[in-house]
N, C-alpha and C. Protein backbone atom coordinates (compact mmCIF):
# COMPACT_ATOMS: atom_id res chain seq x y z
N MET A 1 122.61 103.95 100.43
CA MET A 1 122.20 104.04 101.82
C MET A 1 120.73 104.45 101.89
N ILE A 2 120.01 103.82 102.79
CA ILE A 2 118.60 104.13 102.98
C ILE A 2 118.46 104.95 104.25
N THR A 3 117.94 106.18 104.09
CA THR A 3 117.74 107.06 105.24
C THR A 3 116.35 106.81 105.84
N LEU A 4 116.12 107.38 107.01
CA LEU A 4 114.82 107.25 107.66
C LEU A 4 113.73 107.88 106.80
N GLU A 5 114.04 108.99 106.14
CA GLU A 5 113.05 109.66 105.29
C GLU A 5 112.65 108.78 104.12
N ILE A 6 113.63 108.14 103.50
CA ILE A 6 113.33 107.23 102.38
C ILE A 6 112.52 106.04 102.88
N PHE A 7 112.89 105.52 104.03
CA PHE A 7 112.17 104.39 104.63
C PHE A 7 110.71 104.76 104.86
N LEU A 8 110.48 105.94 105.47
CA LEU A 8 109.11 106.37 105.76
C LEU A 8 108.33 106.68 104.49
N LEU A 9 109.01 107.21 103.47
CA LEU A 9 108.34 107.45 102.19
C LEU A 9 107.88 106.12 101.57
N GLY A 10 108.75 105.14 101.61
CA GLY A 10 108.37 103.81 101.11
C GLY A 10 107.21 103.23 101.89
N LEU A 11 107.22 103.45 103.19
CA LEU A 11 106.13 102.96 104.04
C LEU A 11 104.82 103.67 103.71
N LEU A 12 104.88 104.97 103.47
CA LEU A 12 103.69 105.73 103.09
C LEU A 12 103.14 105.25 101.75
N ILE A 13 104.01 105.08 100.78
CA ILE A 13 103.58 104.60 99.46
C ILE A 13 102.94 103.23 99.57
N THR A 14 103.60 102.34 100.29
CA THR A 14 103.08 100.98 100.45
C THR A 14 101.74 100.99 101.17
N SER A 15 101.63 101.81 102.22
CA SER A 15 100.40 101.89 102.99
C SER A 15 99.24 102.39 102.12
N THR A 16 99.50 103.42 101.34
CA THR A 16 98.47 103.97 100.46
C THR A 16 98.04 102.96 99.40
N LEU A 17 99.03 102.35 98.75
CA LEU A 17 98.71 101.36 97.72
C LEU A 17 98.03 100.12 98.29
N THR A 18 98.39 99.75 99.52
CA THR A 18 97.75 98.58 100.14
C THR A 18 96.25 98.81 100.28
N GLY A 19 95.87 99.99 100.72
CA GLY A 19 94.45 100.30 100.85
C GLY A 19 93.73 100.24 99.52
N LEU A 20 94.33 100.81 98.49
CA LEU A 20 93.71 100.82 97.16
C LEU A 20 93.62 99.41 96.57
N VAL A 21 94.70 98.68 96.62
CA VAL A 21 94.72 97.32 96.05
C VAL A 21 93.78 96.40 96.82
N THR A 22 93.75 96.55 98.14
CA THR A 22 92.85 95.71 98.94
C THR A 22 91.39 95.94 98.55
N GLU A 23 91.01 97.19 98.38
CA GLU A 23 89.63 97.49 97.97
C GLU A 23 89.33 96.90 96.59
N ALA A 24 90.28 97.00 95.68
CA ALA A 24 90.09 96.43 94.34
C ALA A 24 89.92 94.91 94.41
N VAL A 25 90.75 94.25 95.19
CA VAL A 25 90.67 92.79 95.32
C VAL A 25 89.35 92.40 96.00
N LYS A 26 88.93 93.16 97.01
CA LYS A 26 87.65 92.89 97.67
C LYS A 26 86.49 92.95 96.67
N ASN A 27 86.52 93.94 95.77
CA ASN A 27 85.47 94.06 94.75
C ASN A 27 85.46 92.86 93.82
N VAL A 28 86.65 92.43 93.42
CA VAL A 28 86.72 91.24 92.54
C VAL A 28 86.20 90.01 93.28
N PHE A 29 86.61 89.84 94.55
CA PHE A 29 86.13 88.70 95.33
C PHE A 29 84.62 88.75 95.52
N ALA A 30 84.07 89.93 95.73
CA ALA A 30 82.62 90.07 95.91
C ALA A 30 81.86 89.70 94.64
N GLU A 31 82.41 90.08 93.49
CA GLU A 31 81.78 89.73 92.21
C GLU A 31 81.72 88.23 92.00
N HIS A 32 82.71 87.52 92.51
CA HIS A 32 82.79 86.07 92.32
C HIS A 32 82.33 85.29 93.55
N ASN A 33 81.73 86.00 94.50
CA ASN A 33 81.24 85.39 95.74
C ASN A 33 82.30 84.56 96.45
N ILE A 34 83.50 85.08 96.51
CA ILE A 34 84.61 84.42 97.19
C ILE A 34 84.70 84.99 98.60
N LYS A 35 84.70 84.10 99.59
CA LYS A 35 84.81 84.55 100.98
C LYS A 35 86.27 84.83 101.31
N TYR A 36 86.49 85.83 102.13
CA TYR A 36 87.84 86.22 102.52
C TYR A 36 87.79 86.88 103.88
N ARG A 37 88.93 86.98 104.50
CA ARG A 37 89.07 87.73 105.76
C ARG A 37 89.82 89.01 105.42
N ALA A 38 89.21 90.13 105.72
CA ALA A 38 89.73 91.44 105.29
C ALA A 38 91.13 91.71 105.83
N ASN A 39 91.38 91.44 107.10
CA ASN A 39 92.70 91.71 107.67
C ASN A 39 93.78 90.82 107.06
N THR A 40 93.45 89.57 106.85
CA THR A 40 94.41 88.66 106.23
C THR A 40 94.73 89.10 104.81
N LEU A 41 93.70 89.49 104.08
CA LEU A 41 93.89 89.97 102.72
C LEU A 41 94.77 91.22 102.69
N ALA A 42 94.48 92.18 103.55
CA ALA A 42 95.28 93.41 103.61
C ALA A 42 96.72 93.11 104.00
N GLY A 43 96.91 92.20 104.94
CA GLY A 43 98.26 91.82 105.36
C GLY A 43 99.07 91.19 104.25
N ILE A 44 98.46 90.29 103.52
CA ILE A 44 99.15 89.62 102.41
C ILE A 44 99.49 90.62 101.31
N ILE A 45 98.55 91.50 100.99
CA ILE A 45 98.80 92.52 99.96
C ILE A 45 99.93 93.45 100.41
N ALA A 46 99.94 93.83 101.68
CA ALA A 46 101.00 94.70 102.20
C ALA A 46 102.36 94.03 102.09
N LEU A 47 102.43 92.74 102.40
CA LEU A 47 103.69 92.00 102.31
C LEU A 47 104.20 91.98 100.87
N ILE A 48 103.33 91.68 99.95
CA ILE A 48 103.72 91.59 98.53
C ILE A 48 104.15 92.96 98.00
N LEU A 49 103.33 93.99 98.27
CA LEU A 49 103.66 95.33 97.76
C LEU A 49 104.95 95.88 98.35
N SER A 50 105.14 95.71 99.66
CA SER A 50 106.34 96.26 100.28
C SER A 50 107.60 95.55 99.78
N ALA A 51 107.53 94.25 99.58
CA ALA A 51 108.69 93.53 99.04
C ALA A 51 108.98 94.00 97.62
N ALA A 52 107.93 94.20 96.82
CA ALA A 52 108.11 94.65 95.44
C ALA A 52 108.63 96.09 95.38
N ILE A 53 108.06 96.98 96.19
CA ILE A 53 108.48 98.38 96.18
C ILE A 53 109.90 98.52 96.72
N GLY A 54 110.19 97.83 97.80
CA GLY A 54 111.54 97.88 98.37
C GLY A 54 112.59 97.34 97.41
N SER A 55 112.29 96.19 96.80
CA SER A 55 113.23 95.62 95.83
C SER A 55 113.38 96.52 94.61
N GLY A 56 112.28 97.09 94.16
CA GLY A 56 112.32 98.00 93.01
C GLY A 56 113.17 99.22 93.30
N TYR A 57 113.04 99.77 94.51
CA TYR A 57 113.86 100.93 94.87
C TYR A 57 115.35 100.56 94.90
N ILE A 58 115.66 99.43 95.46
CA ILE A 58 117.06 98.98 95.53
C ILE A 58 117.65 98.84 94.13
N ILE A 59 116.88 98.27 93.22
CA ILE A 59 117.35 98.08 91.85
C ILE A 59 117.47 99.43 91.12
N MET A 60 116.43 100.27 91.23
CA MET A 60 116.42 101.54 90.51
C MET A 60 117.49 102.51 91.03
N ALA A 61 117.78 102.47 92.33
CA ALA A 61 118.78 103.36 92.91
C ALA A 61 120.19 102.81 92.74
N GLY A 62 120.30 101.57 92.27
CA GLY A 62 121.61 100.97 92.06
C GLY A 62 122.34 100.69 93.36
N ILE A 63 121.58 100.39 94.41
CA ILE A 63 122.17 100.12 95.72
C ILE A 63 122.70 98.70 95.75
N THR A 64 123.93 98.55 96.25
CA THR A 64 124.52 97.23 96.39
C THR A 64 123.81 96.50 97.52
N PHE A 65 123.43 95.26 97.26
CA PHE A 65 122.70 94.48 98.25
C PHE A 65 123.67 94.00 99.33
N THR A 66 123.46 94.51 100.54
CA THR A 66 124.28 94.14 101.69
C THR A 66 123.37 93.63 102.80
N ALA A 67 123.99 93.20 103.90
CA ALA A 67 123.21 92.75 105.05
C ALA A 67 122.35 93.89 105.60
N GLN A 68 122.88 95.11 105.59
CA GLN A 68 122.14 96.26 106.08
C GLN A 68 120.90 96.52 105.22
N ILE A 69 121.05 96.40 103.92
CA ILE A 69 119.92 96.59 103.01
C ILE A 69 118.89 95.48 103.22
N ALA A 70 119.35 94.27 103.45
CA ALA A 70 118.43 93.15 103.71
C ALA A 70 117.62 93.42 104.97
N VAL A 71 118.26 93.92 106.01
CA VAL A 71 117.55 94.25 107.26
C VAL A 71 116.53 95.36 107.00
N CYS A 72 116.89 96.37 106.23
CA CYS A 72 115.96 97.45 105.90
C CYS A 72 114.76 96.92 105.12
N LEU A 73 115.01 96.02 104.18
CA LEU A 73 113.92 95.45 103.38
C LEU A 73 112.98 94.61 104.26
N ILE A 74 113.56 93.82 105.15
CA ILE A 74 112.74 93.01 106.06
C ILE A 74 111.93 93.93 106.98
N ALA A 75 112.56 94.99 107.48
CA ALA A 75 111.85 95.95 108.33
C ALA A 75 110.72 96.62 107.56
N GLN A 76 110.97 96.94 106.29
CA GLN A 76 109.95 97.58 105.45
C GLN A 76 108.74 96.63 105.29
N VAL A 77 109.02 95.37 105.03
CA VAL A 77 107.93 94.40 104.87
C VAL A 77 107.14 94.27 106.17
N PHE A 78 107.85 94.16 107.29
CA PHE A 78 107.17 94.02 108.59
C PHE A 78 106.36 95.26 108.93
N MET A 79 106.96 96.44 108.76
CA MET A 79 106.26 97.68 109.09
C MET A 79 105.05 97.91 108.18
N SER A 80 105.16 97.50 106.93
CA SER A 80 104.03 97.63 106.01
C SER A 80 102.88 96.72 106.45
N TRP A 81 103.23 95.52 106.92
CA TRP A 81 102.21 94.62 107.43
C TRP A 81 101.55 95.25 108.66
N LEU A 82 102.35 95.84 109.54
CA LEU A 82 101.80 96.52 110.72
C LEU A 82 100.86 97.66 110.31
N CYS A 83 101.27 98.43 109.31
CA CYS A 83 100.42 99.54 108.83
C CYS A 83 99.08 99.01 108.34
N ALA A 84 99.10 97.88 107.67
CA ALA A 84 97.86 97.30 107.17
C ALA A 84 96.96 96.83 108.32
N MET A 85 97.58 96.42 109.43
CA MET A 85 96.81 95.90 110.55
C MET A 85 96.34 97.00 111.51
N VAL A 86 97.20 97.99 111.82
CA VAL A 86 96.84 98.99 112.84
C VAL A 86 96.77 100.41 112.31
N GLY A 87 97.29 100.67 111.14
CA GLY A 87 97.23 102.01 110.57
C GLY A 87 98.59 102.68 110.49
N TYR A 88 98.78 103.44 109.44
CA TYR A 88 100.05 104.11 109.16
C TYR A 88 100.41 105.10 110.27
N ASP A 89 99.41 105.86 110.75
CA ASP A 89 99.66 106.90 111.75
C ASP A 89 100.30 106.33 113.02
N LYS A 90 99.78 105.20 113.49
CA LYS A 90 100.29 104.61 114.73
C LYS A 90 101.71 104.08 114.55
N VAL A 91 102.01 103.53 113.40
CA VAL A 91 103.35 103.00 113.15
C VAL A 91 104.36 104.14 113.07
N VAL A 92 104.03 105.20 112.35
CA VAL A 92 104.93 106.36 112.24
C VAL A 92 105.12 107.01 113.61
N GLN A 93 104.07 107.08 114.41
CA GLN A 93 104.18 107.64 115.76
C GLN A 93 105.16 106.82 116.59
N ALA A 94 105.09 105.50 116.51
CA ALA A 94 106.01 104.64 117.25
C ALA A 94 107.45 104.85 116.77
N ILE A 95 107.65 104.95 115.46
CA ILE A 95 109.00 105.17 114.92
C ILE A 95 109.54 106.51 115.40
N SER A 96 108.70 107.55 115.39
CA SER A 96 109.18 108.87 115.82
C SER A 96 109.51 108.88 117.31
N GLN A 97 108.81 108.10 118.11
CA GLN A 97 109.12 108.02 119.54
C GLN A 97 110.49 107.37 119.74
N PHE A 98 110.80 106.35 118.97
CA PHE A 98 112.12 105.72 119.05
C PHE A 98 113.20 106.71 118.63
N LYS A 99 112.93 107.46 117.59
CA LYS A 99 113.90 108.43 117.08
C LYS A 99 114.16 109.52 118.10
N ILE A 100 113.12 110.03 118.75
CA ILE A 100 113.28 111.07 119.76
C ILE A 100 114.09 110.56 120.94
N LYS A 101 113.82 109.33 121.39
CA LYS A 101 114.58 108.76 122.50
C LYS A 101 116.04 108.63 122.14
N LYS A 102 116.34 108.21 120.94
CA LYS A 102 117.72 108.02 120.50
C LYS A 102 118.46 109.36 120.49
N GLU A 103 117.81 110.41 119.97
CA GLU A 103 118.44 111.72 119.90
C GLU A 103 118.62 112.34 121.28
N GLY A 104 117.71 112.05 122.21
CA GLY A 104 117.75 112.67 123.52
C GLY A 104 118.66 111.97 124.52
N GLU A 105 119.23 110.84 124.18
CA GLU A 105 120.07 110.08 125.11
C GLU A 105 121.29 110.82 125.55
């Protein structure tokens, strides 16, 4: 089972690594005079990293792949892309607002 805390931890790891990997790829592209769009590059890197980290966690934790896990993995990929585009803080703030509304109903 994937809890909200594990989900947010994965999102934090992916967000941090996305920034680092994007800067590294930008440096390589600059050395080779390759033109790129920074947001597109960050988005693609976020998609790849989040899919890899999410899948790795599922395998390492020995979680049985179910429809619920698939939805969590898709959400992780989407949220990681959002973090790359608008920032981790804003995405976590939106998630916490949904959580507060759910608890207060």
